[in-house]
């Protein structure tokens, strides 16, 4: 029999097949490959960017970016914490300083770019936490899911037969007709065992559905909420505090009033009434140097300052102030930032009158504490005096004839001065740094650019200045410390939120999220009411202990029923 011939139908003719839709395009014909996607529009674009910003991936990225953005703050001095260090950095890096200053690197934590990352992270975390908290709250109020029909495909599946041969000696039969623990009793005891193990349980007929691990998501939410708390505490609490710096020479006393600070950086909502009255006196500063190891000879091993503090209405108390060992006084923390040498000098003018008598701090330039400083004498007669000094704690001459310091301690102290006369510009009303001297317009009377060599003084020596400008006496050397006084009301809040975030993170890492089912399955055609107990579990995420947890529940449940588990 010859095969039946099929009618010749054009594949592109949609009218020849009534079952083919009118808009069907056959693959053999010409097709339109253009894809028409709906336009987002302005609102849709905003919604898209909002979802990207509030995703957990973006929050983690911003958190990492914030940590990276904080690195410059530890590499270069900050104006709020070490203004003198910024001045010194400007002198040492004249080319690089303007670039970094324009990028706000010296004000890292208040810069535009750091604040932008900070605010974006804050918004991102809030946007993540709110919807997840709502979803988590709904999940906590939701019943555990129904028991699956087949447990054999789930993790840790095992079955235990309940029949006369598996009953242990002394097992209590709750069904008098069968002599076995009844199905209802077995399911009820399974619920009790699971509850004692910390599971939420729900009975569905002859089975129990149990779940636990919602504390994992709770810990996750607590962790992220605590991060928001840290951001709020730092941002808001810092506005009520302040940071101040003071250079204190041995024997000098510092009072906690606004005018006593060398530099002061208040918070946005700081008030002078927040300053608690106290005095702080530097009694002595001692540095311990390495003296045995020749490879590290002269390296500082420890800094120790002995200070006497007295709060308003209280008694004087002597304390030790060291590196990473701040002093807590008057509600503030006093930190030891740096140290150096201060020159005690007396300058007499051309008429023999004392024009200057004070202690002048010098800034260390190297590891052996070669230090530089400036002495300004505006009250000298007939001309004002300006001196640029170099101090060598252990002076020694190099092969070129220049002085250098061979050791950081004062074993052979020497002070050299280059002396200038003229108008120092102190009466112009323009503030000047106490560590620099503008020599423009001044005349050098002692130093390299004059006919007289620099003046060299040892402690106790007095030398006359050229051209009848007067004399100078090097009275002695004292140590000074650079103190940072910090008041941050948010510290306790930050510590609390940090601890809370740690607890939340540990909870989210170590609390497993799992479900376990116990099901009683009657045997078909069983004459004496025998049935099987099935156990299985399911984990959300990785849970290497799931099978062991199912086995443990099965063991405890069958033991409670008096049923022997198969070996």
Protein backbone atom coordinates (compact mmCIF):
# COMPACT_ATOMS: atom_id res chain seq x y z
CA UNK A 1 0.00 0.00 0.00
CA UNK A 2 1.46 3.23 -1.06
CA UNK A 3 1.95 5.93 1.59
CA UNK A 4 -0.67 8.58 1.77
CA UNK A 5 0.49 11.81 0.25
CA UNK A 6 0.43 14.94 2.47
CA UNK A 7 -0.96 18.20 1.10
CA UNK A 8 1.62 20.82 0.18
CA UNK A 9 1.14 23.56 2.79
CA UNK A 10 3.22 26.71 2.83
CA UNK A 11 4.86 26.93 6.26
CA UNK A 12 4.44 30.66 6.27
CA UNK A 13 0.73 30.51 5.57
CA UNK A 14 -0.96 30.81 8.95
CA UNK A 15 -4.45 30.61 7.44
CA UNK A 16 -3.93 26.99 6.33
CA UNK A 17 -3.70 25.72 9.95
CA UNK A 18 -6.60 26.85 12.15
CA UNK A 19 -4.77 25.65 15.32
CA UNK A 20 -1.81 27.93 14.70
CA UNK A 21 -2.11 31.39 16.35
CA UNK A 22 -2.19 34.38 14.06
CA UNK A 23 0.95 35.90 15.54
CA UNK A 24 3.02 32.68 15.18
CA UNK A 25 6.30 32.98 13.32
CA UNK A 26 7.63 29.73 11.89
CA UNK A 27 11.33 29.12 12.42
CA UNK A 28 11.81 28.46 8.72
CA UNK A 29 10.56 31.85 7.69
CA UNK A 30 11.98 35.34 8.23
CA UNK A 31 12.03 36.36 11.89
CA UNK A 32 12.26 39.66 13.70
CA UNK A 33 15.21 39.37 16.11
CA UNK A 34 14.55 42.72 17.76
CA UNK A 35 13.68 42.54 21.47
CA UNK A 36 11.26 45.11 22.76
CA UNK A 37 11.91 45.76 26.46
CA UNK A 38 9.83 48.09 28.57
CA UNK A 39 11.47 51.37 29.46
CA UNK A 40 12.32 51.90 33.10
CA UNK A 41 11.46 55.55 33.21
CA UNK A 42 12.55 57.94 35.92
CA UNK A 43 10.79 56.16 38.80
CA UNK A 44 11.93 52.76 37.58
CA UNK A 45 15.52 53.93 37.35
CA UNK A 46 15.39 55.26 40.91
CA UNK A 47 13.88 51.98 42.08
CA UNK A 48 16.64 50.03 40.33
CA UNK A 49 19.42 52.06 41.94
CA UNK A 50 17.72 51.84 45.34
CA UNK A 51 17.61 48.05 45.12
CA UNK A 52 21.28 47.95 44.15
CA UNK A 53 22.23 50.27 47.01
CA UNK A 54 20.25 48.35 49.63
CA UNK A 55 21.54 44.92 48.64
CA UNK A 56 23.72 43.09 51.14
CA UNK A 57 26.48 42.81 48.55
CA UNK A 58 26.63 46.60 48.25
CA UNK A 59 26.64 47.01 52.04
CA UNK A 60 29.60 44.65 52.41
CA UNK A 61 31.44 46.42 49.60
CA UNK A 62 30.87 49.82 51.22
CA UNK A 63 32.05 48.45 54.56
CA UNK A 64 35.27 47.27 52.94
CA UNK A 65 35.60 50.60 51.11
CA UNK A 66 35.19 52.48 54.40
CA UNK A 67 38.04 50.47 55.92
CA UNK A 68 40.25 51.26 52.93
CA UNK A 69 39.31 54.95 53.06
CA UNK A 70 40.44 55.11 56.69
CA UNK A 71 44.00 54.01 55.83
CA UNK A 72 45.28 57.50 54.85
CA UNK A 73 44.29 58.70 58.31
CA UNK A 74 46.89 56.39 59.84
CA UNK A 75 49.61 57.13 57.29
CA UNK A 76 49.76 60.92 57.53
CA UNK A 77 49.15 63.21 60.54
CA UNK A 78 45.65 64.57 61.00
CA UNK A 79 44.86 68.18 61.84
CA UNK A 80 42.42 67.17 64.54
CA UNK A 81 44.88 64.91 66.36
CA UNK A 82 48.36 66.18 65.48
CA UNK A 83 48.38 69.71 64.01
CA UNK A 84 52.10 70.11 64.70
CA UNK A 85 52.72 66.94 62.74
CA UNK A 86 50.87 68.46 59.77
CA UNK A 87 53.11 71.53 59.95
CA UNK A 88 56.17 69.32 60.03
CA UNK A 89 54.88 67.23 57.11
CA UNK A 90 54.42 70.41 55.10
CA UNK A 91 58.04 71.40 55.77
CA UNK A 92 59.38 67.92 54.91
CA UNK A 93 57.24 67.35 51.79
CA UNK A 94 56.78 70.73 50.18
CA UNK A 95 55.83 69.25 46.79
CA UNK A 96 53.47 66.52 47.96
CA UNK A 97 51.74 68.51 50.69
CA UNK A 98 49.54 70.76 48.44
CA UNK A 99 48.24 67.73 46.55
CA UNK A 100 47.33 65.78 49.69
CA UNK A 101 45.85 68.88 51.29
CA UNK A 102 43.60 69.47 48.27
CA UNK A 103 42.47 65.84 48.52
CA UNK A 104 41.63 66.43 52.22
CA UNK A 105 43.98 63.64 53.30
CA UNK A 106 44.98 65.59 56.42
CA UNK A 107 41.28 65.72 57.36
CA UNK A 108 40.48 62.17 56.33
CA UNK A 109 37.62 61.48 58.71
CA UNK A 110 35.79 64.72 57.92
CA UNK A 111 36.56 64.77 54.20
CA UNK A 112 33.83 64.80 51.55
CA UNK A 113 34.75 61.40 50.13
CA UNK A 114 34.94 59.67 53.52
CA UNK A 115 31.63 61.21 54.60
CA UNK A 116 30.02 60.09 51.34
CA UNK A 117 31.08 56.47 51.91
CA UNK A 118 29.95 56.72 55.52
CA UNK A 119 26.48 58.00 54.62
CA UNK A 120 26.02 55.53 51.76
CA UNK A 121 26.91 52.66 54.07
CA UNK A 122 24.43 53.95 56.63
CA UNK A 123 21.63 54.17 54.07
CA UNK A 124 22.54 50.78 52.59
CA UNK A 125 22.45 49.04 55.97
CA UNK A 126 19.10 50.63 56.88
CA UNK A 127 17.67 49.62 53.51
CA UNK A 128 18.86 46.03 54.09
CA UNK A 129 17.71 45.67 57.68
CA UNK A 130 14.15 47.03 57.50
CA UNK A 131 12.67 44.64 54.88
CA UNK A 132 14.64 41.67 56.23
CA UNK A 133 13.38 42.35 59.75
CA UNK A 134 9.79 42.44 58.48
CA UNK A 135 10.28 39.18 56.60
CA UNK A 136 11.97 37.55 59.59
CA UNK A 137 9.14 38.60 61.91
CA UNK A 138 6.60 37.05 59.55
CA UNK A 139 8.66 33.85 59.37
CA UNK A 140 8.76 33.59 63.15
CA UNK A 141 4.95 33.66 63.25
CA UNK A 142 4.55 31.13 60.45
CA UNK A 143 3.80 27.48 61.26
CA UNK A 144 6.42 24.88 60.32
CA UNK A 145 5.74 23.39 56.88
CA UNK A 146 3.76 20.21 56.39
CA UNK A 147 5.55 16.90 56.45
CA UNK A 148 6.62 15.78 52.95
CA UNK A 149 4.91 12.69 51.58
CA UNK A 150 8.21 10.90 50.97
CA UNK A 151 11.04 11.36 53.46
CA UNK A 152 13.35 8.88 51.76
CA UNK A 153 14.94 11.57 49.58
CA UNK A 154 15.93 13.80 52.49
CA UNK A 155 19.15 13.86 54.47
CA UNK A 156 19.72 11.42 57.32
CA UNK A 157 16.67 9.35 56.47
CA UNK A 158 16.21 6.31 58.67
CA UNK A 159 13.33 4.07 59.61
CA UNK A 160 12.66 2.12 62.80
CA UNK A 161 10.16 -0.70 62.95
CA UNK A 162 7.74 -0.74 65.88
CA UNK A 163 6.72 -4.35 66.36
CA UNK A 164 6.79 -6.91 69.16
CA UNK A 165 10.31 -8.05 68.21
CA UNK A 166 11.79 -4.53 68.55
CA UNK A 167 10.31 -3.70 71.95
CA UNK A 168 12.81 -3.54 74.76
CA UNK A 169 12.24 -5.36 78.02
CA UNK A 170 9.94 -3.36 80.25
CA UNK A 171 8.60 -1.19 77.43
CA UNK A 172 5.20 0.31 78.23
CA UNK A 173 2.48 -0.55 75.73
CA UNK A 174 -0.16 2.14 75.40
CA UNK A 175 -2.34 0.15 73.01
CA UNK A 176 -3.82 -2.81 74.85
CA UNK A 177 -5.06 -4.41 71.64
CA UNK A 178 -1.67 -4.53 69.93
CA UNK A 179 0.65 -4.51 72.92
CA UNK A 180 2.64 -1.72 71.28
CA UNK A 181 3.10 2.00 71.88
CA UNK A 182 0.22 3.60 70.00
CA UNK A 183 0.81 5.82 66.98
CA UNK A 184 -0.70 8.75 68.85
CA UNK A 185 1.61 8.17 71.79
CA UNK A 186 4.64 7.89 69.50
CA UNK A 187 3.83 11.15 67.76
CA UNK A 188 3.16 12.93 71.07
CA UNK A 189 6.49 11.76 72.50
CA UNK A 190 8.26 12.87 69.31
CA UNK A 191 6.86 16.35 69.82
CA UNK A 192 8.13 16.38 73.40
CA UNK A 193 11.63 15.22 72.39
CA UNK A 194 11.88 17.84 69.64
CA UNK A 195 10.66 20.62 71.93
CA UNK A 196 13.32 19.75 74.50
CA UNK A 197 15.89 20.03 71.70
CA UNK A 198 14.86 23.59 70.93
CA UNK A 199 12.63 22.97 67.91
CA UNK A 200 9.34 24.62 67.05
CA UNK A 201 6.93 21.77 66.41
CA UNK A 202 3.62 21.30 64.64
CA UNK A 203 1.62 18.12 64.34
CA UNK A 204 0.12 17.08 61.04
CA UNK A 205 -1.87 13.87 61.51
CA UNK A 206 0.54 11.06 62.34
CA UNK A 207 3.65 13.15 61.79
CA UNK A 208 5.58 15.99 63.41
CA UNK A 209 7.21 18.86 61.56
CA UNK A 210 9.91 20.67 63.52
CA UNK A 211 12.28 23.48 62.70
CA UNK A 212 14.96 25.48 64.46
CA UNK A 213 17.68 27.98 63.60
CA UNK A 214 15.72 31.22 63.27
CA UNK A 215 18.18 32.56 65.80
CA UNK A 216 20.70 32.49 62.95
CA UNK A 217 18.81 35.16 61.01
CA UNK A 218 18.16 37.03 64.26
CA UNK A 219 21.92 37.12 64.89
CA UNK A 220 22.50 38.31 61.34
CA UNK A 221 20.03 41.16 61.79
CA UNK A 222 21.50 42.03 65.19
CA UNK A 223 24.97 42.16 63.62
CA UNK A 224 23.91 44.61 60.91
CA UNK A 225 21.75 46.66 63.28
CA UNK A 226 24.72 46.94 65.65
CA UNK A 227 26.85 48.24 62.77
CA UNK A 228 24.26 50.95 62.23
CA UNK A 229 24.45 51.64 65.95
CA UNK A 230 28.21 52.03 65.74
CA UNK A 231 27.85 54.47 62.83
CA UNK A 232 25.23 56.47 64.71
CA UNK A 233 27.26 56.51 67.93
CA UNK A 234 30.41 57.68 66.14
CA UNK A 235 28.58 60.26 64.02
CA UNK A 236 26.27 61.69 66.65
CA UNK A 237 28.19 61.04 69.86
CA UNK A 238 31.37 62.53 68.45
CA UNK A 239 29.54 65.82 67.97
CA UNK A 240 29.34 66.31 71.73
CA UNK A 241 33.03 65.63 72.39
CA UNK A 242 36.29 67.38 71.60
CA UNK A 243 39.95 66.78 70.91
CA UNK A 244 42.68 69.10 72.15
CA UNK A 245 46.46 69.11 72.06
CA UNK A 246 48.89 70.56 74.54
CA UNK A 247 52.68 70.52 74.69
CA UNK A 248 53.76 70.31 78.33
CA UNK A 249 57.31 70.82 79.61
CA UNK A 250 58.59 69.30 82.83
CA UNK A 251 57.44 71.42 85.75
CA UNK A 252 54.63 73.11 83.83
CA UNK A 253 50.94 72.78 84.74
CA UNK A 254 48.06 72.50 82.30
CA UNK A 255 44.51 73.55 83.23
CA UNK A 256 41.53 72.08 81.43
CA UNK A 257 40.21 75.37 80.10
CA UNK A 258 39.80 76.38 76.49
CA UNK A 259 42.61 78.94 76.52
CA UNK A 260 45.21 76.44 77.76
CA UNK A 261 45.13 74.26 74.66
CA UNK A 262 47.63 74.71 71.83
CA UNK A 263 44.96 73.49 69.43
CA UNK A 264 41.35 72.58 70.03
CA UNK A 265 38.83 70.80 67.82
CA UNK A 266 35.30 70.78 69.28
CA UNK A 267 32.41 68.68 68.07
CA UNK A 268 29.44 70.20 66.34
CA UNK A 269 27.36 70.37 69.53
CA UNK A 270 30.19 70.96 72.00
CA UNK A 271 29.75 73.54 74.75
CA UNK A 272 32.47 75.02 76.96
CA UNK A 273 30.38 74.07 79.96
CA UNK A 274 31.25 70.44 79.15
CA UNK A 275 34.86 71.04 80.22
CA UNK A 276 35.40 69.71 83.72
CA UNK A 277 37.95 71.58 85.74
CA UNK A 278 41.23 69.87 86.57
CA UNK A 279 44.96 70.58 86.57
CA UNK A 280 47.71 68.38 85.19
CA UNK A 281 51.40 68.83 86.03
CA UNK A 282 54.25 67.03 84.27
CA UNK A 283 56.65 66.09 87.08
CA UNK A 284 59.14 64.03 85.11
CA UNK A 285 59.59 62.31 81.79
CA UNK A 286 61.96 59.36 81.38
CA UNK A 287 62.93 57.37 78.32
CA UNK A 288 64.51 53.94 78.56
CA UNK A 289 66.96 53.19 75.74
CA UNK A 290 68.46 49.97 74.42
CA UNK A 291 72.06 49.77 75.63
CA UNK A 292 73.04 46.11 75.19
CA UNK A 293 72.06 45.22 71.63
CA UNK A 294 74.53 47.03 69.37
CA UNK A 295 72.27 46.61 66.35
CA UNK A 296 69.53 48.58 68.11
CA UNK A 297 71.68 50.83 70.27
CA UNK A 298 69.82 53.95 71.36
CA UNK A 299 66.40 52.68 70.32
CA UNK A 300 63.68 53.76 72.74
CA UNK A 301 62.23 50.84 74.70
CA UNK A 302 59.75 52.68 76.88
CA UNK A 303 58.39 56.14 77.58
CA UNK A 304 57.17 57.02 81.04
CA UNK A 305 55.75 60.32 82.29
CA UNK A 306 54.98 60.98 85.94
CA UNK A 307 52.09 63.43 86.24
CA UNK A 308 50.13 64.92 89.11
CA UNK A 309 46.44 65.51 88.48
CA UNK A 310 43.94 67.32 90.64
CA UNK A 311 40.26 67.60 89.86
CA UNK A 312 38.12 70.47 91.07
CA UNK A 313 37.30 69.89 94.71
CA UNK A 314 39.43 66.75 94.85
CA UNK A 315 42.88 65.76 96.07
CA UNK A 316 46.09 65.65 94.04
CA UNK A 317 46.96 62.23 92.66
CA UNK A 318 50.24 61.10 91.08
CA UNK A 319 49.94 58.73 88.12
CA UNK A 320 51.97 57.21 85.34
CA UNK A 321 51.28 58.16 81.74
CA UNK A 322 52.71 55.95 79.03
CA UNK A 323 52.29 54.80 75.46
CA UNK A 324 48.94 53.02 75.08
CA UNK A 325 48.38 53.73 78.77
CA UNK A 326 46.22 56.88 78.90
CA UNK A 327 45.27 58.82 81.99
CA UNK A 328 41.57 59.10 82.82
CA UNK A 329 40.87 62.40 84.54
CA UNK A 330 37.96 64.82 84.56
CA UNK A 331 35.91 62.71 82.16
CA UNK A 332 38.66 62.86 79.51
CA UNK A 333 41.37 60.52 78.28
CA UNK A 334 44.86 62.00 78.14
CA UNK A 335 47.16 60.24 75.66
CA UNK A 336 50.92 60.52 75.29
CA UNK A 337 51.60 61.25 71.61
CA UNK A 338 55.22 62.42 71.44
CA UNK A 339 58.14 63.86 73.31
CA UNK A 340 61.26 65.91 72.81
CA UNK A 341 63.68 68.39 74.34
CA UNK A 342 63.00 71.95 75.41
CA UNK A 343 65.72 74.61 75.76
CA UNK A 344 65.69 76.81 78.84
CA UNK A 345 67.30 80.08 77.76
CA UNK A 346 67.70 83.66 78.95
CA UNK A 347 68.26 86.47 76.43
CA UNK A 348 69.47 89.95 77.41
CA UNK A 349 69.24 92.80 74.94
CA UNK A 350 71.88 95.37 74.04
CA UNK A 351 71.12 97.37 77.19
CA UNK A 352 71.61 94.36 79.46
CA UNK A 353 67.94 93.95 80.30
CA UNK A 354 66.29 90.51 80.31
CA UNK A 355 64.23 90.52 77.12
CA UNK A 356 63.36 86.82 77.09
CA UNK A 357 63.42 84.06 79.69
CA UNK A 358 61.46 80.94 78.90
CA UNK A 359 61.54 77.27 77.93
CA UNK A 360 61.40 76.72 74.16
CA UNK A 361 60.42 73.28 72.77
CA UNK A 362 62.44 71.92 69.84
CA UNK A 363 61.11 69.41 67.33
CA UNK A 364 63.12 66.18 66.86
CA UNK A 365 64.40 65.59 63.33
CA UNK A 366 65.86 62.07 63.51
CA UNK A 367 66.08 58.96 65.66
CA UNK A 368 68.95 60.47 67.69
CA UNK A 369 66.76 63.47 68.53
CA UNK A 370 68.68 66.10 66.61
CA UNK A 371 66.15 68.87 67.14
CA UNK A 372 65.34 72.25 65.63
CA UNK A 373 63.55 75.20 67.15
CA UNK A 374 63.05 78.94 66.95
CA UNK A 375 63.55 81.63 69.59
CA UNK A 376 61.79 84.94 68.95
CA UNK A 377 62.64 88.00 71.06
CA UNK A 378 60.32 90.86 70.02
CA UNK A 379 61.13 93.02 73.09
CA UNK A 380 64.88 93.24 72.45
CA UNK A 381 66.58 96.65 72.15
CA UNK A 382 67.76 98.10 69.81
CA UNK A 383 66.49 95.48 67.33
CA UNK A 384 64.23 92.48 67.57
CA UNK A 385 66.06 89.13 67.64
CA UNK A 386 65.24 85.88 65.91
CA UNK A 387 67.23 82.68 66.36
CA UNK A 388 67.15 79.37 64.55
CA UNK A 389 68.53 76.71 66.85
CA UNK A 390 69.84 73.16 66.49
CA UNK A 391 70.10 70.91 69.52
CA UNK A 392 72.32 67.82 69.68
CA UNK A 393 71.69 65.60 72.76
CA UNK A 394 75.02 63.82 72.28
CA UNK A 395 77.03 66.17 70.10
CA UNK A 396 79.80 64.88 67.91
CA UNK A 397 81.60 66.30 64.90
CA UNK A 398 81.39 64.59 61.53
CA UNK A 399 84.17 64.39 58.95
CA UNK A 400 82.87 67.58 57.34
CA UNK A 401 83.14 69.48 60.61
CA UNK A 402 79.36 69.71 61.10
CA UNK A 403 77.71 68.65 64.29
CA UNK A 404 75.49 65.57 64.64
CA UNK A 405 73.91 63.63 67.47
CA UNK A 406 75.28 60.15 68.09
CA UNK A 407 72.79 59.13 70.79
CA UNK A 408 69.27 60.26 71.73
CA UNK A 409 70.03 60.82 75.43
CA UNK A 410 71.70 63.98 76.77
CA UNK A 411 75.23 62.69 77.28
CA UNK A 412 76.92 65.69 75.62
CA UNK A 413 74.21 68.34 74.98
CA UNK A 414 75.02 71.20 72.64
CA UNK A 415 72.90 74.07 71.31
CA UNK A 416 73.89 76.02 68.18
CA UNK A 417 72.11 79.20 67.09
CA UNK A 418 71.91 81.25 63.92
CA UNK A 419 71.00 84.80 64.96
CA UNK A 420 68.99 87.37 62.97
CA UNK A 421 68.01 90.96 63.68
CA UNK A 422 65.19 93.05 62.23
CA UNK A 423 61.40 93.21 62.25
CA UNK A 424 59.99 89.75 63.04
CA UNK A 425 56.53 90.76 61.82
CA UNK A 426 54.85 89.82 65.09
CA UNK A 427 53.07 93.19 65.27
CA UNK A 428 51.30 92.75 61.91
CA UNK A 429 48.43 90.75 63.39
CA UNK A 430 49.16 87.74 61.15
CA UNK A 431 49.54 84.51 63.17
CA UNK A 432 52.90 82.74 62.86
CA UNK A 433 54.09 79.29 63.75
CA UNK A 434 56.28 79.10 66.83
CA UNK A 435 58.42 76.49 65.06
CA UNK A 436 59.37 78.55 61.98
CA UNK A 437 61.11 81.88 61.40
CA UNK A 438 60.58 83.91 58.24
CA UNK A 439 64.07 85.29 57.57
CA UNK A 440 62.93 87.50 54.68
CA UNK A 441 63.93 91.06 55.46
CA UNK A 442 66.10 90.02 58.43
CA UNK A 443 69.85 90.45 58.79
CA UNK A 444 71.92 87.49 59.87
CA UNK A 445 74.59 88.43 62.42
CA UNK A 446 75.68 84.88 63.36
CA UNK A 447 75.63 81.89 61.06
CA UNK A 448 76.69 80.72 57.64
CA UNK A 449 75.64 83.88 55.80
CA UNK A 450 77.49 86.22 58.15
CA UNK A 451 81.06 86.89 59.20
CA UNK A 452 80.44 85.31 62.60
CA UNK A 453 80.04 81.57 63.09
CA UNK A 454 76.93 80.12 64.68
CA UNK A 455 76.85 80.43 68.46
CA UNK A 456 77.49 77.10 70.21
CA UNK A 457 76.39 76.72 73.84
CA UNK A 458 76.62 74.00 76.43
CA UNK A 459 74.27 74.00 79.45
CA UNK A 460 75.23 76.80 81.83
CA UNK A 461 77.21 78.82 79.28
CA UNK A 462 76.60 82.45 78.34
CA UNK A 463 77.81 84.08 75.11
CA UNK A 464 77.55 87.57 73.73
CA UNK A 465 75.76 88.26 70.49
CA UNK A 466 77.58 90.11 67.66
CA UNK A 467 77.11 93.82 66.99
CA UNK A 468 76.19 94.55 70.61
CA UNK A 469 72.81 92.82 70.20
CA UNK A 470 73.03 91.39 73.74
CA UNK A 471 73.77 87.94 75.16
CA UNK A 472 72.19 84.54 75.55
CA UNK A 473 72.47 82.01 78.37
CA UNK A 474 71.75 78.33 77.92
CA UNK A 475 70.26 77.56 81.34
CA UNK A 476 69.57 73.86 80.75
CA UNK A 477 67.58 71.15 79.01
CA UNK A 478 64.16 69.83 79.95
CA UNK A 479 61.94 67.14 78.48
CA UNK A 480 58.49 67.82 77.15
CA UNK A 481 55.57 65.65 76.11
CA UNK A 482 52.88 66.18 73.51
CA UNK A 483 49.48 65.35 75.00
CA UNK A 484 46.21 64.60 73.27
CA UNK A 485 43.16 65.25 75.44
CA UNK A 486 40.18 63.35 74.10
CA UNK A 487 36.58 63.45 75.24
CA UNK A 488 34.19 61.15 73.39
CA UNK A 489 30.81 60.47 75.04
CA UNK A 490 30.10 57.82 72.43
CA UNK A 491 32.85 55.43 73.56
CA UNK A 492 30.58 53.39 75.84
CA UNK A 493 27.92 53.19 73.13
CA UNK A 494 30.45 52.16 70.50
CA UNK A 495 31.84 49.47 72.79
CA UNK A 496 28.34 48.18 73.52
CA UNK A 497 27.33 48.05 69.86
CA UNK A 498 30.67 46.44 68.94
CA UNK A 499 30.09 43.70 71.52
CA UNK A 500 26.53 43.25 70.27
CA UNK A 501 27.71 42.96 66.67
CA UNK A 502 30.27 40.33 67.67
CA UNK A 503 27.63 38.27 69.47
CA UNK A 504 25.29 38.59 66.51
CA UNK A 505 28.01 37.54 64.07
CA UNK A 506 28.95 34.48 66.15
CA UNK A 507 25.29 33.51 66.39
CA UNK A 508 24.79 33.80 62.63
CA UNK A 509 27.88 31.68 62.00
CA UNK A 510 27.38 28.82 64.45
CA UNK A 511 23.60 28.39 64.78
CA UNK A 512 22.37 25.95 62.08
CA UNK A 513 19.04 26.36 60.32
CA UNK A 514 17.38 22.96 59.91
CA UNK A 515 14.09 21.09 59.76
CA UNK A 516 13.40 17.57 61.05
CA UNK A 517 10.37 15.38 60.48
CA UNK A 518 9.15 12.34 62.42
CA UNK A 519 6.46 10.27 60.79
CA UNK A 520 4.56 7.19 61.84
CA UNK A 521 3.68 5.00 58.82
CA UNK A 522 1.29 2.05 59.47
CA UNK A 523 2.17 -1.12 57.61
CA UNK A 524 -0.29 -2.27 54.98
CA UNK A 525 -2.00 -5.48 56.04
CA UNK A 526 -0.32 -5.59 59.45
CA UNK A 527 -2.19 -7.98 61.71
CA UNK A 528 -1.03 -6.61 65.07
CA UNK A 529 -0.90 -2.87 64.36
CA UNK A 530 2.80 -2.71 63.48
CA UNK A 531 4.10 0.54 62.03
CA UNK A 532 7.36 2.21 61.07
CA UNK A 533 8.83 5.42 62.44
CA UNK A 534 10.57 7.52 59.78
CA UNK A 535 13.06 10.28 60.51
CA UNK A 536 14.62 12.76 58.10
CA UNK A 537 15.98 16.32 57.98
CA UNK A 538 16.63 19.23 55.68
CA UNK A 539 19.14 22.04 56.13
CA UNK A 540 19.07 25.57 54.81
CA UNK A 541 22.63 26.05 53.67
CA UNK A 542 25.50 23.81 54.63
CA UNK A 543 25.01 21.78 57.78
CA UNK A 544 27.55 18.97 58.20
CA UNK A 545 25.94 17.88 61.47
CA UNK A 546 22.44 17.39 60.07
CA UNK A 547 22.59 13.59 59.74
CA UNK A 548 24.02 13.26 63.22
CA UNK A 549 21.22 15.50 64.55
CA UNK A 550 18.58 13.29 62.88
CA UNK A 551 20.22 10.19 64.31
CA UNK A 552 20.29 11.73 67.77
CA UNK A 553 16.58 12.62 67.64
CA UNK A 554 15.77 9.10 66.45
CA UNK A 555 17.84 7.57 69.24
CA UNK A 556 16.24 9.66 71.96
CA UNK A 557 12.74 9.17 70.61
CA UNK A 558 12.96 5.39 70.28
CA UNK A 559 14.61 5.14 73.68
CA UNK A 560 11.73 7.11 75.16
CA UNK A 561 9.28 4.71 73.54
CA UNK A 562 11.23 1.61 74.58
CA UNK A 563 11.94 0.56 71.00
CA UNK A 564 15.29 -0.88 69.98
CA UNK A 565 16.94 0.71 66.98
CA UNK A 566 18.44 -1.56 64.34
CA UNK A 567 22.21 -1.96 64.55
